[in-house]
Amino acid sequence: MSGTDQERWLRVKERLRAEVGDEIYQSWFARMDLERIEGDTVHLSVPTRFLKSWIQSHYLDRVLLCWQAEQPEIQKIDVAVRSAVIRTALPKPKPAEAIEPGQGMRPRPDIGDVRPAFGPLSSGHDALGGSPLDLRLTFDTFVVGRSNTLAHAAAKQVAVGRRGEPVMFNPLYVHAGVGLGKTHLLQATTWAGNGAGERRVLYLTAEKFMYGFVSALRTQTALAFKEALRGIDVLVIDDLQFLQGKSTQAEFCHTLNALIDAGRQVVIAADRPPTDLESLDDRVRSRLAGGLVVEMGALGEELRLEILKTRVNAARQYHPAFEVPAPVLAYIAKSVTHNGRDLEGAINRLLAHNKLTGQPVTMEMAEREVRDLIRPQEPKRVKIEDIQRIVARQYNVSRADLLSSRRTANVVRPRQVAMYLAKTLTLRSLPEIGRRFGGRDHTTVLHAVRKIEGLVGNDTMLADEIEVLKRQLQE
């Protein structure tokens, strides 16, 4: 694939981002890669079948139009799932390959050791196999920093557990934004847990769980599917926010309860806390929140630099002559702040430019190659809990007062202000805001929002108070 094709792909991605907005772009296109261009067909890849299906159903024409704006002769977009490529392209470790002494891990299994987690039942029934694992995503390659220390320690604790031992926290629920290491941590837990050889650990994406359940219903093997799931020792579910469908969610709830009640471990990752998974049933959210909920925060500059060094060292195993000067690494760590995938993308670009042109990596090259990865700092994500806490402090009432049914004047106004801020500073819907304010109806929230909007135009003091509250919430 030529450098010109990659440059076109970068421009196409920027067109997509401009058309659909950053949030949709991050959800559906951030992990899409260009594989090759053959004739009038562009071949792209994504990591999961769910992403492939969604993009083909909703965005394929838009992707094609963006390509045609750069290359008019393109007539077709082909989207494939690259997980299968990873499994065949990467060398499998030898069965006896062990981590170096002192690192506290057993030999890693190859992918064939992980998939038959259901025993004989999985043969001939693909719906019951685990999702593919990436050989690179182990605890050895996970870089630990201040933002992910607790999540890493909890995952290691799960991985070294033994069958029959009491479970310390169940479920373990990890949430973070895109590209901050959730999938890496979950796959590392699966590798290490299966490597110990004592427990059966199954890694499933939410899309794979849905596919398995629907396939089992279609083939009238739903009972076998349920028994197989509940017979494993550790269930690892990734991207729970994509779990859709009432029957699928009900089955997930039953499976979750059955495993936890039987003392089996459940590990879950999503892009938001359990309370923000509005599509899930209240019972599921409650059960998830009852375990250990850990947030993996944004990557600090020191951690970003360590990640970059790790990626360079990994690349040098295959390209020994690849060198990135320390000032270039420091520049990327300071400038590319969004997530870990952007950091890996930056190293891949430097490597590609170095290998394809033969030119050494310089600061000028780095500034040119990663300029589109340098994004404006995103505003702080405001949480409803923070709004309630700061408003309660400002008006000298308690958070419990805001959630209560009290109708006294000293509580009603702060409650309306808090609801107004929740609507204007978060993406939560009116029903969700009402639920978070003591189970109120969405019409109550709408009345509060309109009431404050009407008062702000005439009451200068109230307008100033709200501006002060907004600044405190966004600091």
Foldseek 3Di string as FASTA:
>chain_A
DDPVVVVLVVQLLVVVCVVPHVVVCLVQPPQKAFDDDDQQETEIEHADPVSVVVCVVPPQVVSQVSSCVVPVSRDYYHYYHCLVVQLPVDDFDDQCDADDPPPPFFGFDRQVLQFCLLPPVCVPQVLLTFDRAHPCLAPVLDFDDPLCPVVLVLLVVLLPDAPPDFDPWAAEEEAAAPFAQPNSSLSNSSRRNVSVVGFREGEHELVSLVVSCVVCVVVVNNVVSLVSLLPGQEYEYEANLPNDDPVSLVSVLVSSVSNVVVRGYYYYYHHDQLLPSVRHDPSVSVNSVRTHYGYRYFDALVSLLVSLVSLQVVVCVVVVVADDDPVLSSVCSVQQGDHNVLSNVLVVQQVCCCVVVVDHDDNVVSCVRSVVSRDPDDFDQFDLVLLLCLLCVVLVHHSVLLLDPDDDPSNVLSNLLSLLCCVVRHPDDLQSSCCVSNRHHSVVSVVSNVVLVVVVVPDVVSVVVSVVSVVVRRD
